[in-house]
PDB file of N, CA and C in Angstrom:
ATOM      1  N   MET A   1     157.851  86.879-221.840  1.00  0.00           N
ATOM      2  CA  MET A   1     156.804  87.337-220.946  1.00  0.00           C
ATOM      3  C   MET A   1     157.345  88.404-219.983  1.00  0.00           C
ATOM      4  N   ALA A   2     158.529  88.145-219.443  1.00  0.00           N
ATOM      5  CA  ALA A   2     159.127  89.108-218.522  1.00  0.00           C
ATOM      6  C   ALA A   2     159.434  90.422-219.237  1.00  0.00           C
ATOM      7  N   MET A   3     159.832  90.335-220.492  1.00  0.00           N
ATOM      8  CA  MET A   3     160.141  91.537-221.265  1.00  0.00           C
ATOM      9  C   MET A   3     158.887  92.402-221.444  1.00  0.00           C
ATOM     10  N   VAL A   4     157.767  91.778-221.685  1.00  0.00           N
ATOM     11  CA  VAL A   4     156.506  92.503-221.859  1.00  0.00           C
ATOM     12  C   VAL A   4     156.128  93.218-220.560  1.00  0.00           C
ATOM     13  N   PHE A   5     156.258  92.516-219.433  1.00  0.00           N
ATOM     14  CA  PHE A   5     155.944  93.141-218.149  1.00  0.00           C
ATOM     15  C   PHE A   5     156.893  94.287-217.839  1.00  0.00           C
ATOM     16  N   SER A   6     158.172  94.133-218.151  1.00  0.00           N
ATOM     17  CA  SER A   6     159.124  95.209-217.864  1.00  0.00           C
ATOM     18  C   SER A   6     158.861  96.421-218.748  1.00  0.00           C
ATOM     19  N   MET A   7     158.459  96.189-220.001  1.00  0.00           N
ATOM     20  CA  MET A   7     158.123  97.312-220.881  1.00  0.00           C
ATOM     21  C   MET A   7     156.877  98.042-220.379  1.00  0.00           C
ATOM     22  N   ALA A   8     155.880  97.281-219.933  1.00  0.00           N
ATOM     23  CA  ALA A   8     154.658  97.892-219.406  1.00  0.00           C
ATOM     24  C   ALA A   8     154.965  98.699-218.145  1.00  0.00           C
ATOM     25  N   ALA A   9     155.826  98.174-217.294  1.00  0.00           N
ATOM     26  CA  ALA A   9     156.191  98.887-216.064  1.00  0.00           C
ATOM     27  C   ALA A   9     156.947 100.173-216.389  1.00  0.00           C
ATOM     28  N   GLU A  10     157.813 100.124-217.369  1.00  0.00           N
ATOM     29  CA  GLU A  10     158.571 101.314-217.755  1.00  0.00           C
ATOM     30  C   GLU A  10     157.646 102.390-218.327  1.00  0.00           C
ATOM     31  N   ILE A  11     156.694 101.981-219.151  1.00  0.00           N
ATOM     32  CA  ILE A  11     155.732 102.930-219.711  1.00  0.00           C
ATOM     33  C   ILE A  11     154.898 103.552-218.600  1.00  0.00           C
ATOM     34  N   GLU A  12     154.438 102.731-217.674  1.00  0.00           N
ATOM     35  CA  GLU A  12     153.640 103.247-216.554  1.00  0.00           C
ATOM     36  C   GLU A  12     154.445 104.220-215.705  1.00  0.00           C
ATOM     37  N   ARG A  13     155.714 103.905-215.452  1.00  0.00           N
ATOM     38  CA  ARG A  13     156.577 104.799-214.675  1.00  0.00           C
ATOM     39  C   ARG A  13     156.732 106.147-215.379  1.00  0.00           C
ATOM     40  N   ASP A  14     156.896 106.123-216.707  1.00  0.00           N
ATOM     41  CA  ASP A  14     157.007 107.368-217.462  1.00  0.00           C
ATOM     42  C   ASP A  14     155.712 108.179-217.393  1.00  0.00           C
ATOM     43  N   LEU A  15     154.574 107.507-217.458  1.00  0.00           N
ATOM     44  CA  LEU A  15     153.294 108.205-217.369  1.00  0.00           C
ATOM     45  C   LEU A  15     153.093 108.840-215.991  1.00  0.00           C
ATOM     46  N   ILE A  16     153.484 108.124-214.960  1.00  0.00           N
ATOM     47  CA  ILE A  16     153.370 108.671-213.596  1.00  0.00           C
ATOM     48  C   ILE A  16     154.247 109.904-213.449  1.00  0.00           C
ATOM     49  N   ALA A  17     155.467 109.847-213.951  1.00  0.00           N
ATOM     50  CA  ALA A  17     156.375 110.990-213.872  1.00  0.00           C
ATOM     51  C   ALA A  17     155.811 112.179-214.648  1.00  0.00           C
ATOM     52  N   LYS A  18     155.222 111.926-215.800  1.00  0.00           N
ATOM     53  CA  LYS A  18     154.640 112.992-216.615  1.00  0.00           C
ATOM     54  C   LYS A  18     153.480 113.659-215.875  1.00  0.00           C
ATOM     55  N   ARG A  19     152.584 112.843-215.283  1.00  0.00           N
ATOM     56  CA  ARG A  19     151.450 113.402-214.535  1.00  0.00           C
ATOM     57  C   ARG A  19     151.926 114.200-213.334  1.00  0.00           C
ATOM     58  N   THR A  20     152.976 113.731-212.667  1.00  0.00           N
ATOM     59  CA  THR A  20     153.505 114.444-211.510  1.00  0.00           C
ATOM     60  C   THR A  20     154.052 115.804-211.919  1.00  0.00           C
ATOM     61  N   ARG A  21     154.820 115.837-213.012  1.00  0.00           N
ATOM     62  CA  ARG A  21     155.368 117.113-213.498  1.00  0.00           C
ATOM     63  C   ARG A  21     154.254 118.081-213.883  1.00  0.00           C
ATOM     64  N   GLN A  22     153.201 117.566-214.522  1.00  0.00           N
ATOM     65  CA  GLN A  22     152.081 118.423-214.906  1.00  0.00           C
ATOM     66  C   GLN A  22     151.373 118.984-213.678  1.00  0.00           C
ATOM     67  N   ALA A  23     151.148 118.163-212.685  1.00  0.00           N
ATOM     68  CA  ALA A  23     150.472 118.620-211.472  1.00  0.00           C
ATOM     69  C   ALA A  23     151.309 119.663-210.742  1.00  0.00           C
ATOM     70  N   LEU A  24     152.622 119.451-210.671  1.00  0.00           N
ATOM     71  CA  LEU A  24     153.489 120.434-210.019  1.00  0.00           C
ATOM     72  C   LEU A  24     153.502 121.744-210.789  1.00  0.00           C
ATOM     73  N   ALA A  25     153.475 121.685-212.113  1.00  0.00           N
ATOM     74  CA  ALA A  25     153.448 122.905-212.922  1.00  0.00           C
ATOM     75  C   ALA A  25     152.151 123.680-212.693  1.00  0.00           C
ATOM     76  N   VAL A  26     151.020 122.965-212.588  1.00  0.00           N
ATOM     77  CA  VAL A  26     149.737 123.619-212.338  1.00  0.00           C
ATOM     78  C   VAL A  26     149.746 124.289-210.967  1.00  0.00           C
ATOM     79  N   LYS A  27     150.255 123.581-209.961  1.00  0.00           N
ATOM     80  CA  LYS A  27     150.298 124.159-208.616  1.00  0.00           C
ATOM     81  C   LYS A  27     151.245 125.362-208.563  1.00  0.00           C
ATOM     82  N   ASN A  28     152.365 125.262-209.265  1.00  0.00           N
ATOM     83  CA  ASN A  28     153.319 126.363-209.294  1.00  0.00           C
ATOM     84  C   ASN A  28     152.700 127.579-209.980  1.00  0.00           C
ATOM     85  N   ALA A  29     151.964 127.373-211.066  1.00  0.00           N
ATOM     86  CA  ALA A  29     151.307 128.464-211.767  1.00  0.00           C
ATOM     87  C   ALA A  29     150.222 129.106-210.907  1.00  0.00           C
ATOM     88  N   ALA A  30     149.591 128.302-210.049  1.00  0.00           N
ATOM     89  CA  ALA A  30     148.544 128.825-209.168  1.00  0.00           C
ATOM     90  C   ALA A  30     149.125 129.534-207.950  1.00  0.00           C
ATOM     91  N   GLY A  31     150.432 129.456-207.779  1.00  0.00           N
ATOM     92  CA  GLY A  31     151.071 130.136-206.652  1.00  0.00           C
ATOM     93  C   GLY A  31     151.059 129.353-205.360  1.00  0.00           C
ATOM     94  N   VAL A  32     150.821 128.070-205.427  1.00  0.00           N
ATOM     95  CA  VAL A  32     150.795 127.232-204.229  1.00  0.00           C
ATOM     96  C   VAL A  32     152.238 126.960-203.801  1.00  0.00           C
ATOM     97  N   LYS A  33     152.521 127.193-202.527  1.00  0.00           N
ATOM     98  CA  LYS A  33     153.856 126.904-202.015  1.00  0.00           C
ATOM     99  C   LYS A  33     153.972 125.417-201.748  1.00  0.00           C
ATOM    100  N   LEU A  34     154.989 124.814-202.327  1.00  0.00           N
ATOM    101  CA  LEU A  34     155.184 123.380-202.183  1.00  0.00           C
ATOM    102  C   LEU A  34     156.261 123.096-201.145  1.00  0.00           C
ATOM    103  N   GLY A  35     156.232 121.913-200.590  1.00  0.00           N
ATOM    104  CA  GLY A  35     157.260 121.486-199.659  1.00  0.00           C
ATOM    105  C   GLY A  35     156.849 121.681-198.214  1.00  0.00           C
ATOM    106  N   ARG A  36     157.762 121.309-197.367  1.00  0.00           N
ATOM    107  CA  ARG A  36     157.514 121.404-195.935  1.00  0.00           C
ATOM    108  C   ARG A  36     157.567 122.860-195.499  1.00  0.00           C
ATOM    109  N   PRO A  37     156.632 123.297-194.639  1.00  0.00           N
ATOM    110  CA  PRO A  37     156.644 124.693-194.187  1.00  0.00           C
ATOM    111  C   PRO A  37     157.861 124.980-193.308  1.00  0.00           C
ATOM    112  N   LYS A  38     158.274 126.239-193.321  1.00  0.00           N
ATOM    113  CA  LYS A  38     159.401 126.661-192.487  1.00  0.00           C
ATOM    114  C   LYS A  38     159.041 126.470-191.017  1.00  0.00           C
ATOM    115  N   GLY A  39     160.016 126.073-190.225  1.00  0.00           N
ATOM    116  CA  GLY A  39     159.761 125.791-188.817  1.00  0.00           C
ATOM    117  C   GLY A  39     160.084 126.960-187.907  1.00  0.00           C
ATOM    118  N   ALA A  40     159.135 127.830-187.730  1.00  0.00           N
ATOM    119  CA  ALA A  40     159.337 128.957-186.827  1.00  0.00           C
ATOM    120  C   ALA A  40     158.470 128.809-185.578  1.00  0.00           C
ATOM    121  N   GLY A  41     157.836 127.678-185.456  1.00  0.00           N
ATOM    122  CA  GLY A  41     156.908 127.465-184.355  1.00  0.00           C
ATOM    123  C   GLY A  41     157.583 126.898-183.122  1.00  0.00           C
ATOM    124  N   LYS A  42     156.764 126.468-182.197  1.00  0.00           N
ATOM    125  CA  LYS A  42     157.256 125.902-180.950  1.00  0.00           C
ATOM    126  C   LYS A  42     157.743 124.479-181.166  1.00  0.00           C
ATOM    127  N   SER A  43     158.657 124.067-180.322  1.00  0.00           N
ATOM    128  CA  SER A  43     159.179 122.712-180.363  1.00  0.00           C
ATOM    129  C   SER A  43     158.717 121.964-179.120  1.00  0.00           C
ATOM    130  N   LYS A  44     158.614 120.655-179.222  1.00  0.00           N
ATOM    131  CA  LYS A  44     158.247 119.852-178.059  1.00  0.00           C
ATOM    132  C   LYS A  44     159.351 119.874-177.013  1.00  0.00           C
ATOM    133  N   LEU A  45     160.568 120.243-177.435  1.00  0.00           N
ATOM    134  CA  LEU A  45     161.700 120.228-176.517  1.00  0.00           C
ATOM    135  C   LEU A  45     161.967 121.579-175.868  1.00  0.00           C
ATOM    136  N   ASP A  46     161.132 122.587-176.149  1.00  0.00           N
ATOM    137  CA  ASP A  46     161.342 123.919-175.559  1.00  0.00           C
ATOM    138  C   ASP A  46     161.334 123.874-174.032  1.00  0.00           C
ATOM    139  N   ALA A  47     160.552 122.998-173.459  1.00  0.00           N
ATOM    140  CA  ALA A  47     160.470 122.914-171.996  1.00  0.00           C
ATOM    141  C   ALA A  47     161.783 122.414-171.399  1.00  0.00           C
ATOM    142  N   TYR A  48     162.581 121.714-172.198  1.00  0.00           N
ATOM    143  CA  TYR A  48     163.826 121.124-171.710  1.00  0.00           C
ATOM    144  C   TYR A  48     165.065 121.862-172.222  1.00  0.00           C
ATOM    145  N   LYS A  49     164.908 123.092-172.692  1.00  0.00           N
ATOM    146  CA  LYS A  49     165.994 123.830-173.327  1.00  0.00           C
ATOM    147  C   LYS A  49     167.203 123.992-172.412  1.00  0.00           C
ATOM    148  N   ILE A  50     166.990 124.376-171.178  1.00  0.00           N
ATOM    149  CA  ILE A  50     168.099 124.581-170.246  1.00  0.00           C
ATOM    150  C   ILE A  50     168.847 123.276-169.990  1.00  0.00           C
ATOM    151  N   GLU A  51     168.106 122.211-169.793  1.00  0.00           N
ATOM    152  CA  GLU A  51     168.721 120.907-169.551  1.00  0.00           C
ATOM    153  C   GLU A  51     169.507 120.424-170.780  1.00  0.00           C
ATOM    154  N   ILE A  52     168.973 120.650-171.961  1.00  0.00           N
ATOM    155  CA  ILE A  52     169.647 120.239-173.192  1.00  0.00           C
ATOM    156  C   ILE A  52     170.936 121.020-173.367  1.00  0.00           C
ATOM    157  N   GLU A  53     170.875 122.332-173.154  1.00  0.00           N
ATOM    158  CA  GLU A  53     172.074 123.162-173.295  1.00  0.00           C
ATOM    159  C   GLU A  53     173.132 122.765-172.273  1.00  0.00           C
ATOM    160  N   ALA A  54     172.721 122.392-171.064  1.00  0.00           N
ATOM    161  CA  ALA A  54     173.676 121.984-170.039  1.00  0.00           C
ATOM    162  C   ALA A  54     174.361 120.665-170.451  1.00  0.00           C
ATOM    163  N   LEU A  55     173.602 119.756-171.030  1.00  0.00           N
ATOM    164  CA  LEU A  55     174.180 118.489-171.449  1.00  0.00           C
ATOM    165  C   LEU A  55     175.058 118.643-172.711  1.00  0.00           C
ATOM    166  N   HIS A  56     174.740 119.632-173.487  1.00  0.00           N
ATOM    167  CA  HIS A  56     175.484 119.847-174.723  1.00  0.00           C
ATOM    168  C   HIS A  56     176.864 120.341-174.370  1.00  0.00           C
TER     169      HIS A  56
END
């Protein structure tokens, strides 16, 4: 019984990985930028910059 469940889980894991790769390929072909955006914006700690540099 455990063998049957482990085989089913392995098949499901392979299917999930396949769908993920297909979705990423579609997004890549569409030119969608994936991942976290570059951080060029403001920081919550900008107000404390002088104090942080002094402690550093």
